[in-house]
Protein backbone atom coordinates (compact mmCIF):
# COMPACT_ATOMS: atom_id res chain seq x y z
CA MET A 1 -70.96 -63.62 63.31
CA ALA A 2 -69.93 -66.23 60.73
CA ALA A 3 -71.94 -64.91 57.90
CA PRO A 4 -70.11 -61.53 57.44
CA VAL A 5 -66.81 -63.39 57.55
CA SER A 6 -67.82 -65.87 54.94
CA ALA A 7 -69.07 -63.06 52.77
CA SER A 8 -65.92 -61.08 53.01
CA LEU A 9 -63.85 -64.19 52.06
CA THR A 10 -65.96 -65.02 49.02
CA ALA A 11 -66.63 -61.46 47.83
CA PRO A 12 -64.91 -60.54 44.57
CA PRO A 13 -62.07 -57.96 44.69
CA ASP A 14 -63.02 -54.28 44.26
CA ARG A 15 -61.89 -53.50 40.75
CA ASN A 16 -62.46 -49.85 41.37
CA ALA A 17 -59.85 -49.66 44.12
CA ILE A 18 -56.55 -48.15 43.20
CA PRO A 19 -53.85 -50.87 43.21
CA ALA A 20 -51.42 -50.24 46.06
CA ALA A 21 -48.34 -50.40 43.78
CA LEU A 22 -49.78 -47.87 41.43
CA PHE A 23 -50.76 -45.48 44.28
CA ASN A 24 -47.48 -45.77 46.05
CA VAL A 25 -45.27 -45.15 43.02
CA CYS A 26 -47.34 -42.20 41.94
CA PHE A 27 -47.24 -40.78 45.49
CA VAL A 28 -43.51 -40.94 45.61
CA LEU A 29 -43.16 -39.36 42.23
CA PHE A 30 -45.75 -36.73 43.16
CA VAL A 31 -43.77 -35.73 46.27
CA ILE A 32 -40.55 -35.58 44.34
CA ASN A 33 -41.95 -33.36 41.65
CA VAL A 34 -43.81 -31.02 44.00
CA SER A 35 -40.94 -30.60 46.37
CA PHE A 36 -38.29 -30.20 43.72
CA PHE A 37 -38.99 -26.77 42.43
CA PRO A 38 -39.14 -24.87 45.75
CA THR A 39 -35.84 -26.63 46.65
CA ALA A 40 -34.37 -25.84 43.27
CA TRP A 41 -35.41 -22.13 43.53
CA PHE A 42 -33.86 -21.58 46.93
CA SER A 43 -30.80 -23.64 45.93
CA HIS A 44 -30.33 -21.46 42.81
CA TRP A 45 -30.77 -24.46 40.42
CA TRP A 46 -33.76 -22.98 38.63
CA ILE A 47 -34.20 -19.77 36.60
CA TYR A 48 -31.32 -17.84 38.37
CA GLY A 49 -27.89 -19.31 39.48
CA SER A 50 -26.02 -18.56 42.67
CA ASN A 51 -24.16 -15.72 40.81
CA GLY A 52 -27.45 -13.95 40.17
CA LEU A 53 -27.25 -14.54 36.48
CA GLY A 54 -30.06 -16.12 34.53
CA ILE A 55 -29.70 -19.89 33.76
CA PRO A 56 -29.94 -20.44 30.03
CA THR A 57 -33.04 -22.54 29.31
CA ASP A 58 -35.71 -22.75 26.66
CA PHE A 59 -38.06 -20.20 28.21
CA VAL A 60 -35.64 -17.37 27.45
CA ASN A 61 -36.70 -17.54 23.71
CA VAL A 62 -40.38 -17.00 24.78
CA TRP A 63 -39.65 -13.96 26.81
CA ALA A 64 -37.28 -12.53 24.15
CA ALA A 65 -39.81 -13.01 21.29
CA GLY A 66 -42.43 -11.39 23.34
CA ARG A 67 -40.17 -8.48 24.12
CA LEU A 68 -39.56 -7.97 20.40
CA ALA A 69 -43.29 -8.05 19.69
CA LEU A 70 -44.01 -5.56 22.36
CA GLU A 71 -41.35 -3.21 20.99
CA GLY A 72 -43.05 -3.37 17.61
CA HIS A 73 -40.69 -5.74 15.84
CA PRO A 74 -42.44 -9.09 15.88
CA ALA A 75 -40.87 -10.32 12.62
CA LEU A 76 -37.45 -10.10 14.24
CA ALA A 77 -38.35 -12.87 16.73
CA TRP A 78 -37.48 -15.47 14.09
CA ASP A 79 -34.04 -13.94 13.42
CA TRP A 80 -31.71 -16.15 15.44
CA ASP A 81 -28.89 -13.55 15.87
CA ILE A 82 -31.22 -10.72 16.97
CA GLN A 83 -33.16 -12.92 19.30
CA ARG A 84 -29.82 -14.13 20.80
CA GLN A 85 -28.80 -10.53 21.61
CA ILE A 86 -32.06 -10.05 23.56
CA GLU A 87 -31.49 -13.31 25.43
CA LEU A 88 -27.81 -12.34 26.25
CA ALA A 89 -28.89 -8.95 27.64
CA LEU A 90 -31.58 -10.70 29.69
CA LEU A 91 -29.52 -13.48 31.24
CA LYS A 92 -26.31 -11.42 31.49
CA GLN A 93 -24.15 -14.24 30.49
CA ASP A 94 -23.10 -16.12 27.22
CA PHE A 95 -24.24 -19.57 26.29
CA PRO A 96 -23.39 -21.94 23.42
CA GLY A 97 -25.68 -22.09 20.35
CA TYR A 98 -29.11 -20.57 20.09
CA PHE A 99 -32.52 -20.62 21.82
CA ALA A 100 -34.39 -19.95 18.57
CA TRP A 101 -38.03 -18.91 18.27
CA HIS A 102 -39.78 -21.15 15.71
CA TYR A 103 -43.52 -21.02 16.63
CA PRO A 104 -46.26 -19.72 14.30
CA PRO A 105 -47.15 -16.12 14.90
CA PRO A 106 -50.30 -16.83 17.01
CA PHE A 107 -48.00 -17.94 19.89
CA LEU A 108 -46.65 -14.44 20.06
CA PHE A 109 -49.86 -13.46 21.90
CA VAL A 110 -48.75 -15.68 24.72
CA ALA A 111 -45.07 -14.54 24.51
CA SER A 112 -45.95 -10.82 24.44
CA LEU A 113 -48.15 -11.28 27.54
CA LEU A 114 -45.39 -13.00 29.43
CA ALA A 115 -42.86 -10.42 28.34
CA ARG A 116 -44.76 -7.76 30.20
CA LEU A 117 -43.62 -9.44 33.49
CA PRO A 118 -40.14 -9.72 35.03
CA TYR A 119 -38.35 -12.69 33.83
CA ALA A 120 -38.66 -14.86 36.96
CA ALA A 121 -42.40 -14.02 37.42
CA ALA A 122 -42.98 -14.76 33.77
CA PHE A 123 -41.13 -18.12 34.00
CA MET A 124 -42.92 -19.22 37.14
CA GLY A 125 -46.25 -17.83 35.98
CA TRP A 126 -46.02 -19.71 32.63
CA VAL A 127 -45.15 -23.06 34.31
CA PHE A 128 -47.97 -22.82 36.84
CA VAL A 129 -50.64 -21.33 34.59
CA SER A 130 -50.11 -23.80 31.91
CA LEU A 131 -50.02 -26.61 34.51
CA VAL A 132 -53.62 -25.87 35.54
CA PRO A 133 -55.42 -27.00 32.31
CA TYR A 134 -53.19 -30.05 32.14
CA LEU A 135 -54.24 -31.05 35.73
CA VAL A 136 -57.94 -30.50 34.92
CA VAL A 137 -57.77 -32.58 31.78
CA MET A 138 -55.96 -35.43 33.45
CA ARG A 139 -58.48 -35.44 36.36
CA ALA A 140 -61.33 -35.60 33.83
CA ILE A 141 -59.73 -38.41 31.83
CA VAL A 142 -58.92 -40.61 34.86
CA GLY A 143 -62.43 -39.85 36.25
CA ARG A 144 -61.55 -39.60 39.91
CA ARG A 145 -59.37 -37.51 42.29
CA PHE A 146 -56.45 -39.91 41.73
CA GLY A 147 -56.07 -38.08 38.42
CA TRP A 148 -54.55 -35.03 40.11
CA MET A 149 -51.79 -37.23 41.68
CA LEU A 150 -51.22 -39.20 38.49
CA ALA A 151 -50.80 -35.96 36.50
CA LEU A 152 -48.22 -34.56 38.87
CA ALA A 153 -46.48 -37.88 39.21
CA ALA A 154 -45.50 -38.00 35.46
CA PRO A 155 -41.70 -37.78 35.39
CA MET A 156 -41.93 -35.54 32.25
CA VAL A 157 -43.27 -32.82 34.69
CA LEU A 158 -39.67 -32.30 35.86
CA SER A 159 -38.19 -31.94 32.29
CA ASN A 160 -40.95 -29.56 31.22
CA ALA A 161 -41.03 -27.19 34.26
CA LEU A 162 -37.30 -27.07 34.63
CA VAL A 163 -36.79 -25.40 31.25
CA GLY A 164 -40.04 -23.55 31.15
CA GLN A 165 -41.40 -25.34 28.04
CA ASN A 166 -44.96 -25.69 26.76
CA GLY A 167 -45.53 -29.41 27.29
CA PHE A 168 -48.32 -28.82 29.82
CA LEU A 169 -50.27 -26.73 27.30
CA THR A 170 -49.68 -29.25 24.50
CA ALA A 171 -50.76 -32.12 26.65
CA ALA A 172 -53.80 -30.21 27.92
CA LEU A 173 -54.98 -29.34 24.37
CA VAL A 174 -54.43 -32.93 23.04
CA GLY A 175 -56.07 -34.42 26.03
CA GLY A 176 -58.96 -31.82 26.06
CA THR A 177 -59.70 -32.47 22.41
CA LEU A 178 -59.97 -36.25 23.03
CA TYR A 179 -61.97 -36.00 26.23
CA LEU A 180 -64.44 -33.51 24.89
CA MET A 181 -64.91 -35.00 21.48
CA PRO A 182 -67.79 -37.45 22.30
CA VAL A 183 -69.65 -34.98 24.63
CA ARG A 184 -68.70 -31.45 23.51
CA PRO A 185 -67.45 -31.77 19.92
CA ILE A 186 -67.40 -28.01 19.28
CA LEU A 187 -65.20 -27.38 22.31
CA ALA A 188 -62.97 -30.21 21.32
CA GLY A 189 -62.50 -28.52 17.95
CA ILE A 190 -61.59 -25.28 19.71
CA CYS A 191 -58.93 -27.17 21.63
CA LEU A 192 -57.65 -28.80 18.47
CA GLY A 193 -57.55 -25.40 16.68
CA LEU A 194 -55.54 -23.92 19.54
CA LEU A 195 -53.07 -26.85 19.21
CA SER A 196 -52.09 -25.39 15.83
CA TYR A 197 -49.47 -23.38 17.69
CA LYS A 198 -47.59 -26.72 17.40
CA PRO A 199 -48.86 -28.00 14.15
CA GLN A 200 -46.91 -31.25 14.19
CA TYR A 201 -49.14 -32.56 16.84
CA GLY A 202 -52.34 -32.00 14.91
CA LEU A 203 -51.40 -33.83 11.71
CA LEU A 204 -53.25 -36.99 12.61
CA PHE A 205 -56.41 -35.41 13.81
CA PRO A 206 -57.91 -34.47 10.44
CA LEU A 207 -57.48 -38.00 9.12
CA VAL A 208 -59.12 -39.55 12.17
CA LEU A 209 -61.94 -37.09 12.37
CA ILE A 210 -62.81 -37.72 8.66
CA ALA A 211 -62.60 -41.51 9.22
CA ALA A 212 -64.79 -41.36 12.29
CA GLY A 213 -67.22 -38.75 10.80
CA GLN A 214 -66.57 -36.22 13.56
CA TRP A 215 -67.52 -33.30 11.37
CA ARG A 216 -68.53 -30.76 14.03
CA THR A 217 -65.14 -31.19 15.66
CA PHE A 218 -63.45 -30.89 12.26
CA VAL A 219 -65.21 -27.64 11.32
CA SER A 220 -64.79 -26.15 14.75
CA ALA A 221 -61.07 -26.85 14.62
CA ALA A 222 -60.73 -25.36 11.10
CA VAL A 223 -62.60 -22.19 12.09
CA THR A 224 -60.56 -21.77 15.33
CA THR A 225 -57.34 -22.19 13.42
CA VAL A 226 -58.27 -19.63 10.69
CA LEU A 227 -59.46 -17.07 13.36
CA MET A 228 -56.16 -17.50 15.28
CA PHE A 229 -54.06 -17.00 12.06
CA LEU A 230 -56.17 -14.05 11.03
CA ALA A 231 -55.88 -12.41 14.53
CA SER A 232 -52.06 -12.84 14.44
CA TRP A 233 -51.93 -11.30 10.94
CA LEU A 234 -53.91 -8.32 12.12
CA ALA A 235 -51.85 -7.99 15.28
CA TYR A 236 -48.25 -8.66 13.95
CA GLY A 237 -48.57 -8.10 10.19
CA THR A 238 -47.69 -10.00 7.05
CA GLU A 239 -44.00 -9.68 7.86
CA SER A 240 -44.31 -12.03 10.82
CA TRP A 241 -45.76 -14.78 8.64
CA GLN A 242 -43.05 -14.16 6.04
CA ALA A 243 -40.45 -14.41 8.68
CA PHE A 244 -41.83 -17.59 10.08
CA PHE A 245 -41.81 -19.30 6.64
CA HIS A 246 -38.43 -17.90 5.78
CA TRP A 247 -36.65 -19.29 8.87
CA MET A 248 -38.48 -22.70 8.92
CA PRO A 249 -36.04 -24.33 6.40
CA ALA A 250 -33.07 -23.09 8.38
CA PHE A 251 -34.53 -24.52 11.61
CA SER A 252 -35.24 -27.81 9.87
CA GLN A 253 -31.77 -27.90 8.45
CA ALA A 254 -30.09 -27.26 11.74
CA PHE A 255 -32.12 -29.65 13.91
CA LEU A 256 -33.11 -32.53 11.60
CA VAL A 257 -30.10 -32.61 9.25
CA GLU A 258 -27.16 -31.15 11.11
CA GLY A 259 -28.16 -32.23 14.51
CA LYS A 260 -27.45 -28.89 16.20
CA ALA A 261 -29.53 -30.17 19.09
CA PRO A 262 -27.70 -33.43 20.01
CA TRP A 263 -29.55 -36.47 18.72
CA TRP A 264 -29.89 -37.90 22.33
CA LYS A 265 -32.18 -34.94 23.13
CA LEU A 266 -34.75 -36.02 20.47
CA GLN A 267 -37.01 -38.97 21.27
CA SER A 268 -38.33 -40.06 17.80
CA LEU A 269 -37.49 -43.01 15.65
CA TYR A 270 -35.71 -40.61 13.15
CA SER A 271 -33.44 -39.26 15.84
CA GLN A 272 -32.79 -42.71 17.26
CA VAL A 273 -31.43 -43.88 13.91
CA ARG A 274 -29.29 -40.71 13.67
CA PHE A 275 -28.05 -41.21 17.31
CA TRP A 276 -26.77 -44.69 16.51
CA GLY A 277 -24.93 -43.35 13.36
CA GLY A 278 -27.52 -44.16 10.77
CA PRO A 279 -27.65 -42.05 7.62
CA GLU A 280 -30.28 -39.50 6.99
CA GLN A 281 -31.83 -41.40 4.17
CA LEU A 282 -32.36 -44.55 6.35
CA ALA A 283 -33.69 -42.45 9.23
CA TRP A 284 -36.30 -40.78 6.98
CA ALA A 285 -37.24 -44.09 5.30
CA LEU A 286 -37.94 -45.78 8.70
CA HIS A 287 -39.77 -42.69 9.90
CA TRP A 288 -42.12 -42.68 6.93
CA ILE A 289 -42.80 -46.38 7.23
CA LEU A 290 -43.74 -45.84 10.91
CA PHE A 291 -45.82 -42.78 9.88
CA ALA A 292 -47.80 -44.89 7.34
CA ALA A 293 -48.31 -47.77 9.83
CA VAL A 294 -49.64 -45.38 12.57
CA VAL A 295 -52.05 -43.82 10.07
CA VAL A 296 -53.46 -47.18 8.87
CA VAL A 297 -53.78 -48.52 12.45
CA LEU A 298 -55.58 -45.34 13.77
CA VAL A 299 -58.02 -45.16 10.84
CA LEU A 300 -58.94 -48.82 11.21
CA MET A 301 -59.30 -48.52 15.02
CA TRP A 302 -61.35 -45.36 14.84
CA ARG A 303 -63.76 -47.04 12.44
CA SER A 304 -64.06 -50.11 14.71
CA ARG A 305 -66.20 -50.83 17.76
CA VAL A 306 -63.27 -50.64 20.14
CA ARG A 307 -64.13 -48.47 23.22
CA TYR A 308 -63.54 -44.72 22.82
CA SER A 309 -60.90 -44.60 25.62
CA LEU A 310 -58.63 -46.85 23.59
CA LYS A 311 -59.20 -44.98 20.41
CA ALA A 312 -58.30 -41.70 22.22
CA ALA A 313 -55.22 -43.16 23.82
CA ALA A 314 -53.99 -44.58 20.47
CA LEU A 315 -54.47 -41.14 18.74
CA ALA A 316 -52.47 -39.35 21.53
CA THR A 317 -49.70 -41.94 21.33
CA GLY A 318 -49.65 -41.72 17.55
CA THR A 319 -49.04 -37.99 17.71
CA LEU A 320 -45.73 -38.72 19.43
CA LEU A 321 -44.71 -41.44 17.10
CA ILE A 322 -45.11 -39.49 13.77
CA THR A 323 -43.13 -36.40 14.46
CA PRO A 324 -39.27 -36.57 13.99
CA TYR A 325 -38.93 -33.45 16.16
CA LEU A 326 -39.75 -34.58 19.70
CA PHE A 327 -37.98 -33.49 22.82
CA MET A 328 -38.54 -35.06 26.30
CA TYR A 329 -40.68 -32.01 27.47
CA ASP A 330 -43.05 -32.64 24.46
CA MET A 331 -43.55 -36.13 25.86
CA MET A 332 -45.86 -34.65 28.47
CA VAL A 333 -48.43 -35.73 25.86
CA LEU A 334 -47.69 -39.39 26.88
CA ALA A 335 -49.46 -38.71 30.13
CA ILE A 336 -52.71 -38.49 28.10
CA PRO A 337 -52.81 -42.15 26.84
CA VAL A 338 -51.53 -43.30 30.25
CA GLY A 339 -54.46 -41.54 31.83
CA PHE A 340 -56.90 -43.27 29.52
CA LEU A 341 -55.26 -46.69 30.28
CA VAL A 342 -55.51 -46.06 34.04
CA ARG A 343 -59.15 -44.99 33.60
CA ILE A 344 -59.89 -48.35 31.86
CA GLY A 345 -57.81 -50.29 34.45
CA LEU A 346 -59.59 -48.65 37.42
CA LYS A 347 -62.92 -49.40 35.99
CA HIS A 348 -62.41 -52.94 34.57
CA GLY A 349 -59.33 -54.15 36.24
CA PHE A 350 -55.62 -54.10 35.23
CA ARG A 351 -54.17 -57.04 33.41
CA GLN A 352 -51.25 -58.66 35.11
CA TYR A 353 -48.48 -57.18 32.84
CA GLU A 354 -50.04 -53.67 32.65
CA LEU A 355 -48.75 -52.09 35.82
CA ALA A 356 -45.27 -53.61 35.31
CA ALA A 357 -45.18 -52.23 31.80
CA LEU A 358 -46.17 -48.68 32.93
CA ALA A 359 -43.47 -49.07 35.67
CA CYS A 360 -40.92 -49.68 32.89
CA THR A 361 -42.19 -46.62 31.06
CA VAL A 362 -41.69 -44.47 34.07
CA ALA A 363 -38.18 -45.98 34.68
CA LEU A 364 -37.12 -45.21 31.14
CA VAL A 365 -38.22 -41.56 31.28
CA LEU A 366 -36.57 -41.21 34.68
CA SER A 367 -33.37 -42.70 33.25
CA PHE A 368 -33.23 -39.92 30.68
CA ILE A 369 -32.83 -37.38 33.51
CA PHE A 370 -29.80 -39.17 34.88
CA THR A 371 -28.18 -40.66 31.75
CA GLY A 372 -29.25 -38.47 28.83
CA ALA A 373 -30.07 -41.56 26.78
CA PRO A 374 -32.78 -41.25 24.12
CA VAL A 375 -35.18 -43.52 25.79
CA GLY A 376 -38.40 -41.75 24.92
CA LEU A 377 -39.19 -43.80 21.90
CA GLY A 378 -39.07 -46.94 24.05
CA ALA A 379 -41.44 -45.48 26.54
CA THR A 380 -43.85 -44.47 23.83
CA LEU A 381 -43.76 -47.87 22.17
CA ILE A 382 -44.54 -49.57 25.55
CA VAL A 383 -47.65 -47.48 25.92
CA ALA A 384 -48.57 -48.18 22.31
CA ALA A 385 -48.22 -51.88 22.88
CA LEU A 386 -50.45 -51.75 25.92
CA ILE A 387 -53.12 -50.00 23.86
CA MET A 388 -53.00 -52.35 21.01
CA ARG A 389 -53.13 -55.38 23.32
CA ARG A 390 -56.28 -54.11 24.96
CA ALA A 391 -57.82 -53.25 21.56
CA MET A 392 -57.14 -56.76 20.29
CA PHE A 393 -58.77 -58.30 23.36
CA GLU A 394 -61.81 -56.14 22.87
CA ARG A 395 -62.03 -56.89 19.18
CA ARG A 396 -61.97 -60.65 19.85
CA ALA A 397 -64.58 -60.23 22.64
CA ASN A 398 -66.85 -58.14 20.33
CA ALA A 399 -66.40 -60.75 17.56
CA THR A 400 -67.36 -63.60 20.07
CA VAL A 401 -70.42 -61.70 21.28
CA GLN A 402 -71.55 -60.99 17.75
CA ALA A 403 -70.95 -64.62 16.76
CA SER A 404 -73.10 -65.80 19.67
CA ALA A 405 -75.84 -63.36 18.86
CA THR A 406 -75.87 -64.50 15.29
CA ALA A 407 -75.96 -68.13 16.32
CA ALA A 408 -78.95 -67.43 18.76
CA TRP A 409 -80.79 -65.60 16.10
CA ARG A 410 -80.45 -68.45 13.62
CA GLY A 411 -81.46 -70.93 16.29
CA SER A 412 -84.61 -68.95 17.05
CA ALA A 413 -85.42 -68.48 13.39
CA VAL A 414 -85.16 -72.29 12.86
């Protein structure tokens, strides 16, 4: 009778167990996110208001662009005024400003498919269908069933699904690329090529792939991108590409110079400077300094012996830090590095400060929903700091092991 008791007291803790604090917080957020949308639908907070009119949200530009493509006028999707008229007719009420379409022509394939459905069905269908690959990728990254809960507990789920944005798809493609790269490099390249529908999130990948010698992924991504662009050119004509490039400067001027979308809605370093009244020149200078620092760190890390999960987490985090145009729904991508950190923590144990830091990240993102403060940059920097801290510990450990091995070899040689 005494032996089992003694063994249980002296046995080391199970590092593979999910910490109670992590599980409980994720469970609460999971329940909130899952229960919110049925409640919002029946309470007329989501898609349609109590007056029966459509609630103006971002998804309306997807449906309107798809409708123009189906009617044989794809190039008009980038015309702000024409698109606005389609949106007004759909929602049956006016709204300030524009919900402009600014994606490359390949994304018209998705928009035109959704526009074949009634608006509410298209909205819900897009949210739930794009959610599926995101859930699958998060489950794969975390490496256990807890990944499902972690994915649905992310507070960005609420921001993304409420407006019908594409954050789930972006996170799935970034995460799929990183998860598949070591084991299925060609499939990883296909995911990366599909990510070209939001090219600002693929800027770092070519540099890292070259630095790490991941040539099969590089070539696969390039071929996929070319095929997508060629298919969209055949389907929607040269005029669609001309319209895309014609309207891009106007879009950049409106959102990154004039601040047509209030600065608090953007979550980048550039927008943070503008939010606090800094001039455009200072904002760009600080942004490019950060961009250069992220590039240098990632290239060095991907050429090092740091474990792959940390490299992948760093690259996913870097994609958020280098773009000046970053809304909260795009920060769904932040779930990917968090997933890799949780994977490492569940396998090797969490450091004392890591769960507290992740809780601060969640609190910052949640505070955006209630305060509208631009807190996304702070959340991203916390995750970046956790990754760098882990990487530095591993680098020191690897250096110690190498030094001990060298010393042992020299001793045996003598």
